[in-house]
Amino acid sequence: MGIKLPWRSPRRRHRRAPAVWYQYYATVHATACEVCLRHHGEIYARREDAPPLPLHPDCRCSLLEFPAEELSYYEEHGRRMRERAQQELRRRALFRRAREALAQDALSEALDLFRESVQIDVYEEEIEALCREERAALRRSPEAARRLRDLFLRAYRWKFDLDKYRHMPEGMRAARRRHGLETIRACFAPFVVEEA
């Protein structure tokens, strides 16, 4: 999506550039809706050009107002924001395809797709849902369950080293990492038999 520039249209040449612009912010997370993610980073010349917020119940999106003299900075920032939102949408598609492959016992394909998805990010909520909803597939293949558990554990260990988490205090990142690793181990415990 582009930036709306109302003063450049032939019928509106008499208008001056707005003094204030607006940038759309979504929360890039596994629970953010795809509509919100598609708007992430967009810039609008007028508030009324932006989608009306909230877009849905529990919508956490917002519009950031910024001065016109900072437009070039926010355009570049918006490009990076849109890239991040696109990565999240790609991660979801990979994770969804991996779950489908797992349910069909296409274990090698499932592992490859999960591996590709966790290179973008990993969320414990999705892992919990996977273990709850794909219980039968995980029980049929304890080896695949063990490999999946190990893959998710490795990915979760480095998750909080990603740039998007660097704003968190170190202690908070360490606590979240610990909690996520414990959750993943607990989720896979019914399916993985540890060797003595």
C-alpha atoms as a PDB file:
ATOM      1  CA  MET A   1       0.000   0.000   0.000  1.00  0.00           C
ATOM      2  CA  GLY A   2       1.197   3.474  -0.753  1.00  0.00           C
ATOM      3  CA  ILE A   3       1.057   6.760   1.022  1.00  0.00           C
ATOM      4  CA  LYS A   4      -1.987   8.914   0.354  1.00  0.00           C
ATOM      5  CA  LEU A   5      -0.902  12.312  -0.985  1.00  0.00           C
ATOM      6  CA  PRO A   6      -4.096  14.380  -1.370  1.00  0.00           C
ATOM      7  CA  TRP A   7      -2.393  17.637  -2.374  1.00  0.00           C
ATOM      8  CA  ARG A   8      -0.822  15.996  -5.447  1.00  0.00           C
ATOM      9  CA  SER A   9      -4.069  15.083  -7.196  1.00  0.00           C
ATOM     10  CA  PRO A  10      -5.102  17.513  -9.998  1.00  0.00           C
ATOM     11  CA  ARG A  11      -8.321  18.509  -8.232  1.00  0.00           C
ATOM     12  CA  ARG A  12      -6.586  19.297  -4.947  1.00  0.00           C
ATOM     13  CA  ARG A  13      -3.487  21.220  -5.997  1.00  0.00           C
ATOM     14  CA  HIS A  14      -4.596  24.175  -3.911  1.00  0.00           C
ATOM     15  CA  ARG A  15      -4.140  22.108  -0.738  1.00  0.00           C
ATOM     16  CA  ARG A  16      -0.897  22.221   1.168  1.00  0.00           C
ATOM     17  CA  ALA A  17       0.879  19.190   2.512  1.00  0.00           C
ATOM     18  CA  PRO A  18      -0.470  18.203   5.925  1.00  0.00           C
ATOM     19  CA  ALA A  19       1.526  19.275   8.955  1.00  0.00           C
ATOM     20  CA  VAL A  20       0.747  15.991  10.698  1.00  0.00           C
ATOM     21  CA  TRP A  21       0.834  12.417   9.345  1.00  0.00           C
ATOM     22  CA  TYR A  22      -0.310   9.085  10.782  1.00  0.00           C
ATOM     23  CA  GLN A  23       1.323   5.653  10.866  1.00  0.00           C
ATOM     24  CA  TYR A  24      -0.546   2.425  11.566  1.00  0.00           C
ATOM     25  CA  TYR A  25       0.852   0.149  14.292  1.00  0.00           C
ATOM     26  CA  ALA A  26      -0.264  -3.453  14.808  1.00  0.00           C
ATOM     27  CA  THR A  27       1.164  -5.836  17.381  1.00  0.00           C
ATOM     28  CA  VAL A  28       3.242  -8.345  15.409  1.00  0.00           C
ATOM     29  CA  HIS A  29       2.489 -11.523  17.334  1.00  0.00           C
ATOM     30  CA  ALA A  30       0.904 -14.909  16.718  1.00  0.00           C
ATOM     31  CA  THR A  31      -2.440 -13.589  18.004  1.00  0.00           C
ATOM     32  CA  ALA A  32      -2.625 -10.480  15.784  1.00  0.00           C
ATOM     33  CA  CYS A  33      -5.229 -10.755  13.048  1.00  0.00           C
ATOM     34  CA  GLU A  34      -4.065 -10.848   9.443  1.00  0.00           C
ATOM     35  CA  VAL A  35      -6.052  -7.729   8.516  1.00  0.00           C
ATOM     36  CA  CYS A  36      -4.235  -5.734  11.196  1.00  0.00           C
ATOM     37  CA  LEU A  37      -0.868  -7.105  10.094  1.00  0.00           C
ATOM     38  CA  ARG A  38      -1.532  -6.054   6.509  1.00  0.00           C
ATOM     39  CA  HIS A  39      -1.911  -2.419   7.641  1.00  0.00           C
ATOM     40  CA  HIS A  40       1.198  -2.442   9.871  1.00  0.00           C
ATOM     41  CA  GLY A  41       3.483   0.465   8.914  1.00  0.00           C
ATOM     42  CA  GLU A  42       1.100   2.181   6.496  1.00  0.00           C
ATOM     43  CA  ILE A  43       1.193   5.980   6.452  1.00  0.00           C
ATOM     44  CA  TYR A  44      -1.798   8.275   5.973  1.00  0.00           C
ATOM     45  CA  ALA A  45      -1.988  11.985   5.261  1.00  0.00           C
ATOM     46  CA  ARG A  46      -5.274  12.270   7.163  1.00  0.00           C
ATOM     47  CA  ARG A  47      -6.622  10.330  10.123  1.00  0.00           C
ATOM     48  CA  GLU A  48      -9.859   9.625   8.239  1.00  0.00           C
ATOM     49  CA  ASP A  49      -7.869   7.842   5.480  1.00  0.00           C
ATOM     50  CA  ALA A  50      -6.735   5.209   7.984  1.00  0.00           C
ATOM     51  CA  PRO A  51      -8.901   2.221   8.887  1.00  0.00           C
ATOM     52  CA  PRO A  52     -11.205   3.096  11.803  1.00  0.00           C
ATOM     53  CA  LEU A  53      -9.867   1.691  15.054  1.00  0.00           C
ATOM     54  CA  PRO A  54     -10.494  -0.680  16.672  1.00  0.00           C
ATOM     55  CA  LEU A  55     -10.922  -2.978  13.662  1.00  0.00           C
ATOM     56  CA  HIS A  56     -12.382  -5.794  15.777  1.00  0.00           C
ATOM     57  CA  PRO A  57     -12.926  -6.766  19.441  1.00  0.00           C
ATOM     58  CA  ASP A  58      -9.619  -6.919  21.336  1.00  0.00           C
ATOM     59  CA  CYS A  59      -7.838  -5.011  18.549  1.00  0.00           C
ATOM     60  CA  ARG A  60      -4.574  -3.582  19.908  1.00  0.00           C
ATOM     61  CA  CYS A  61      -3.699  -1.454  16.868  1.00  0.00           C
ATOM     62  CA  SER A  62      -3.074   2.272  17.074  1.00  0.00           C
ATOM     63  CA  LEU A  63      -2.220   5.285  14.942  1.00  0.00           C
ATOM     64  CA  LEU A  64       0.920   7.237  15.690  1.00  0.00           C
ATOM     65  CA  GLU A  65       0.795  10.926  14.843  1.00  0.00           C
ATOM     66  CA  PHE A  66       4.066  12.456  13.633  1.00  0.00           C
ATOM     67  CA  PRO A  67       5.157  15.810  12.128  1.00  0.00           C
ATOM     68  CA  ALA A  68       5.514  16.193   8.349  1.00  0.00           C
ATOM     69  CA  GLU A  69       9.230  17.010   8.604  1.00  0.00           C
ATOM     70  CA  GLU A  70       9.819  13.433   9.860  1.00  0.00           C
ATOM     71  CA  LEU A  71       7.984  11.800   6.935  1.00  0.00           C
ATOM     72  CA  SER A  72      11.085  10.325   5.278  1.00  0.00           C
ATOM     73  CA  TYR A  73      12.133   8.665   8.557  1.00  0.00           C
ATOM     74  CA  TYR A  74       8.673   7.149   9.038  1.00  0.00           C
ATOM     75  CA  GLU A  75       8.517   5.994   5.405  1.00  0.00           C
ATOM     76  CA  GLU A  76      11.717   3.979   5.939  1.00  0.00           C
ATOM     77  CA  HIS A  77      10.494   2.767   9.331  1.00  0.00           C
ATOM     78  CA  GLY A  78       7.183   1.783   7.708  1.00  0.00           C
ATOM     79  CA  ARG A  79       9.022  -0.267   5.074  1.00  0.00           C
ATOM     80  CA  ARG A  80      10.765  -2.258   7.823  1.00  0.00           C
ATOM     81  CA  MET A  81       7.475  -2.641   9.716  1.00  0.00           C
ATOM     82  CA  ARG A  82       5.733  -4.015   6.619  1.00  0.00           C
ATOM     83  CA  GLU A  83       8.606  -6.469   6.057  1.00  0.00           C
ATOM     84  CA  ARG A  84       8.221  -7.713   9.628  1.00  0.00           C
ATOM     85  CA  ALA A  85       4.458  -8.121   9.222  1.00  0.00           C
ATOM     86  CA  GLN A  86       5.009 -10.037   5.959  1.00  0.00           C
ATOM     87  CA  GLN A  87       7.500 -12.316   7.724  1.00  0.00           C
ATOM     88  CA  GLU A  88       4.910 -13.057  10.415  1.00  0.00           C
ATOM     89  CA  LEU A  89       2.284 -13.877   7.772  1.00  0.00           C
ATOM     90  CA  ARG A  90       4.798 -16.181   6.057  1.00  0.00           C
ATOM     91  CA  ARG A  91       5.666 -17.835   9.392  1.00  0.00           C
ATOM     92  CA  ARG A  92       1.994 -18.543  10.031  1.00  0.00           C
ATOM     93  CA  ALA A  93       1.515 -20.071   6.589  1.00  0.00           C
ATOM     94  CA  LEU A  94       4.547 -22.332   7.118  1.00  0.00           C
ATOM     95  CA  PHE A  95       3.368 -23.372  10.591  1.00  0.00           C
ATOM     96  CA  ARG A  96      -0.135 -24.107   9.267  1.00  0.00           C
ATOM     97  CA  ARG A  97       1.256 -26.237   6.408  1.00  0.00           C
ATOM     98  CA  ALA A  98       3.555 -28.032   8.866  1.00  0.00           C
ATOM     99  CA  ARG A  99       0.601 -28.929  11.094  1.00  0.00           C
ATOM    100  CA  GLU A 100      -1.304 -30.284   8.094  1.00  0.00           C
ATOM    101  CA  ALA A 101       1.696 -32.396   7.072  1.00  0.00           C
ATOM    102  CA  LEU A 102       2.065 -33.697  10.635  1.00  0.00           C
ATOM    103  CA  ALA A 103      -1.623 -34.678  10.769  1.00  0.00           C
ATOM    104  CA  GLN A 104      -1.146 -36.612   7.500  1.00  0.00           C
ATOM    105  CA  ASP A 105       1.969 -38.357   8.869  1.00  0.00           C
ATOM    106  CA  ALA A 106       4.204 -36.600   6.325  1.00  0.00           C
ATOM    107  CA  LEU A 107       6.765 -36.244   9.101  1.00  0.00           C
ATOM    108  CA  SER A 108       9.801 -35.227   7.062  1.00  0.00           C
ATOM    109  CA  GLU A 109       7.832 -32.471   5.312  1.00  0.00           C
ATOM    110  CA  ALA A 110       6.348 -31.342   8.638  1.00  0.00           C
ATOM    111  CA  LEU A 111       9.780 -31.074  10.262  1.00  0.00           C
ATOM    112  CA  ASP A 112      11.172 -29.093   7.314  1.00  0.00           C
ATOM    113  CA  LEU A 113       8.239 -26.657   7.415  1.00  0.00           C
ATOM    114  CA  PHE A 114       8.408 -26.255  11.200  1.00  0.00           C
ATOM    115  CA  ARG A 115      12.174 -25.665  10.920  1.00  0.00           C
ATOM    116  CA  GLU A 116      11.585 -22.917   8.355  1.00  0.00           C
ATOM    117  CA  SER A 117       8.835 -21.291  10.454  1.00  0.00           C
ATOM    118  CA  VAL A 118      10.894 -21.124  13.673  1.00  0.00           C
ATOM    119  CA  GLN A 119      13.686 -19.336  11.831  1.00  0.00           C
ATOM    120  CA  ILE A 120      11.275 -16.373  11.760  1.00  0.00           C
ATOM    121  CA  ASP A 121       9.843 -16.720  15.285  1.00  0.00           C
ATOM    122  CA  VAL A 122       8.249 -19.233  17.643  1.00  0.00           C
ATOM    123  CA  TYR A 123       5.335 -18.819  20.077  1.00  0.00           C
ATOM    124  CA  GLU A 124       4.584 -21.064  23.007  1.00  0.00           C
ATOM    125  CA  GLU A 125       0.812 -20.581  22.550  1.00  0.00           C
ATOM    126  CA  GLU A 126       1.028 -22.221  19.122  1.00  0.00           C
ATOM    127  CA  ILE A 127       3.163 -25.063  20.459  1.00  0.00           C
ATOM    128  CA  GLU A 128       0.609 -25.690  23.228  1.00  0.00           C
ATOM    129  CA  ALA A 129      -2.197 -25.758  20.642  1.00  0.00           C
ATOM    130  CA  LEU A 130      -0.156 -28.075  18.401  1.00  0.00           C
ATOM    131  CA  CYS A 131       0.390 -30.593  21.220  1.00  0.00           C
ATOM    132  CA  ARG A 132      -3.246 -30.417  22.273  1.00  0.00           C
ATOM    133  CA  GLU A 133      -4.795 -30.630  18.788  1.00  0.00           C
ATOM    134  CA  GLU A 134      -2.313 -32.977  17.054  1.00  0.00           C
ATOM    135  CA  ARG A 135      -2.086 -35.391  19.973  1.00  0.00           C
ATOM    136  CA  ALA A 136      -2.836 -38.450  17.817  1.00  0.00           C
ATOM    137  CA  ALA A 137      -0.097 -37.689  15.284  1.00  0.00           C
ATOM    138  CA  LEU A 138       2.462 -37.052  18.035  1.00  0.00           C
ATOM    139  CA  ARG A 139       1.537 -40.308  19.805  1.00  0.00           C
ATOM    140  CA  ARG A 140       1.968 -42.271  16.558  1.00  0.00           C
ATOM    141  CA  SER A 141       5.538 -41.041  16.168  1.00  0.00           C
ATOM    142  CA  PRO A 142       7.492 -40.491  19.391  1.00  0.00           C
ATOM    143  CA  GLU A 143      10.649 -39.914  17.324  1.00  0.00           C
ATOM    144  CA  ALA A 144       8.997 -37.064  15.390  1.00  0.00           C
ATOM    145  CA  ALA A 145       7.682 -35.671  18.693  1.00  0.00           C
ATOM    146  CA  ARG A 146      11.198 -35.737  20.159  1.00  0.00           C
ATOM    147  CA  ARG A 147      12.669 -34.009  17.093  1.00  0.00           C
ATOM    148  CA  LEU A 148       9.927 -31.389  17.175  1.00  0.00           C
ATOM    149  CA  ARG A 149      10.435 -30.767  20.881  1.00  0.00           C
ATOM    150  CA  ASP A 150      14.164 -30.320  20.358  1.00  0.00           C
ATOM    151  CA  LEU A 151      13.578 -27.988  17.400  1.00  0.00           C
ATOM    152  CA  PHE A 152      11.190 -25.795  19.398  1.00  0.00           C
ATOM    153  CA  LEU A 153      13.508 -25.763  22.424  1.00  0.00           C
ATOM    154  CA  ARG A 154      16.460 -24.621  20.291  1.00  0.00           C
ATOM    155  CA  ALA A 155      14.359 -21.924  18.627  1.00  0.00           C
ATOM    156  CA  TYR A 156      12.958 -20.699  21.949  1.00  0.00           C
ATOM    157  CA  ARG A 157      16.449 -20.431  23.449  1.00  0.00           C
ATOM    158  CA  TRP A 158      17.419 -17.761  20.903  1.00  0.00           C
ATOM    159  CA  LYS A 159      13.967 -16.166  20.486  1.00  0.00           C
ATOM    160  CA  PHE A 160      14.599 -13.331  22.951  1.00  0.00           C
ATOM    161  CA  ASP A 161      17.861 -12.422  21.226  1.00  0.00           C
ATOM    162  CA  LEU A 162      15.854 -11.159  18.230  1.00  0.00           C
ATOM    163  CA  ASP A 163      15.879  -7.379  17.716  1.00  0.00           C
ATOM    164  CA  LYS A 164      12.168  -7.034  18.422  1.00  0.00           C
ATOM    165  CA  TYR A 165      12.706  -8.246  22.017  1.00  0.00           C
ATOM    166  CA  ARG A 166      15.820  -6.208  22.817  1.00  0.00           C
ATOM    167  CA  HIS A 167      13.737  -3.431  24.383  1.00  0.00           C
ATOM    168  CA  MET A 168      12.873  -5.803  27.256  1.00  0.00           C
ATOM    169  CA  PRO A 169      15.021  -5.758  30.384  1.00  0.00           C
ATOM    170  CA  GLU A 170      17.458  -8.684  30.478  1.00  0.00           C
ATOM    171  CA  GLY A 171      15.811 -10.194  33.562  1.00  0.00           C
ATOM    172  CA  MET A 172      12.404 -10.196  31.877  1.00  0.00           C
ATOM    173  CA  ARG A 173      13.810 -11.836  28.743  1.00  0.00           C
ATOM    174  CA  ALA A 174      15.529 -14.506  30.868  1.00  0.00           C
ATOM    175  CA  ALA A 175      12.321 -15.201  32.820  1.00  0.00           C
ATOM    176  CA  ARG A 176      10.242 -15.482  29.648  1.00  0.00           C
ATOM    177  CA  ARG A 177      12.838 -17.750  28.058  1.00  0.00           C
ATOM    178  CA  ARG A 178      12.817 -20.018  31.147  1.00  0.00           C
ATOM    179  CA  HIS A 179       9.015 -20.127  31.243  1.00  0.00           C
ATOM    180  CA  GLY A 180       8.744 -20.926  27.526  1.00  0.00           C
ATOM    181  CA  LEU A 181      11.308 -23.721  27.719  1.00  0.00           C
ATOM    182  CA  GLU A 182       9.486 -25.281  30.686  1.00  0.00           C
ATOM    183  CA  THR A 183       6.167 -25.011  28.817  1.00  0.00           C
ATOM    184  CA  ILE A 184       7.566 -26.698  25.706  1.00  0.00           C
ATOM    185  CA  ARG A 185       9.077 -29.563  27.748  1.00  0.00           C
ATOM    186  CA  ALA A 186       5.757 -30.061  29.571  1.00  0.00           C
ATOM    187  CA  CYS A 187       3.764 -30.017  26.316  1.00  0.00           C
ATOM    188  CA  PHE A 188       5.878 -32.758  24.753  1.00  0.00           C
ATOM    189  CA  ALA A 189       6.319 -34.868  27.918  1.00  0.00           C
ATOM    190  CA  PRO A 190       3.344 -37.169  27.120  1.00  0.00           C
ATOM    191  CA  PHE A 191       4.788 -37.995  23.693  1.00  0.00           C
ATOM    192  CA  VAL A 192       8.521 -38.277  24.269  1.00  0.00           C
ATOM    193  CA  VAL A 193      10.038 -41.156  26.235  1.00  0.00           C
ATOM    194  CA  GLU A 194      13.400 -40.139  27.632  1.00  0.00           C
ATOM    195  CA  GLU A 195      16.119 -42.759  27.471  1.00  0.00           C
ATOM    196  CA  ALA A 196      17.566 -43.789  30.825  1.00  0.00           C
END
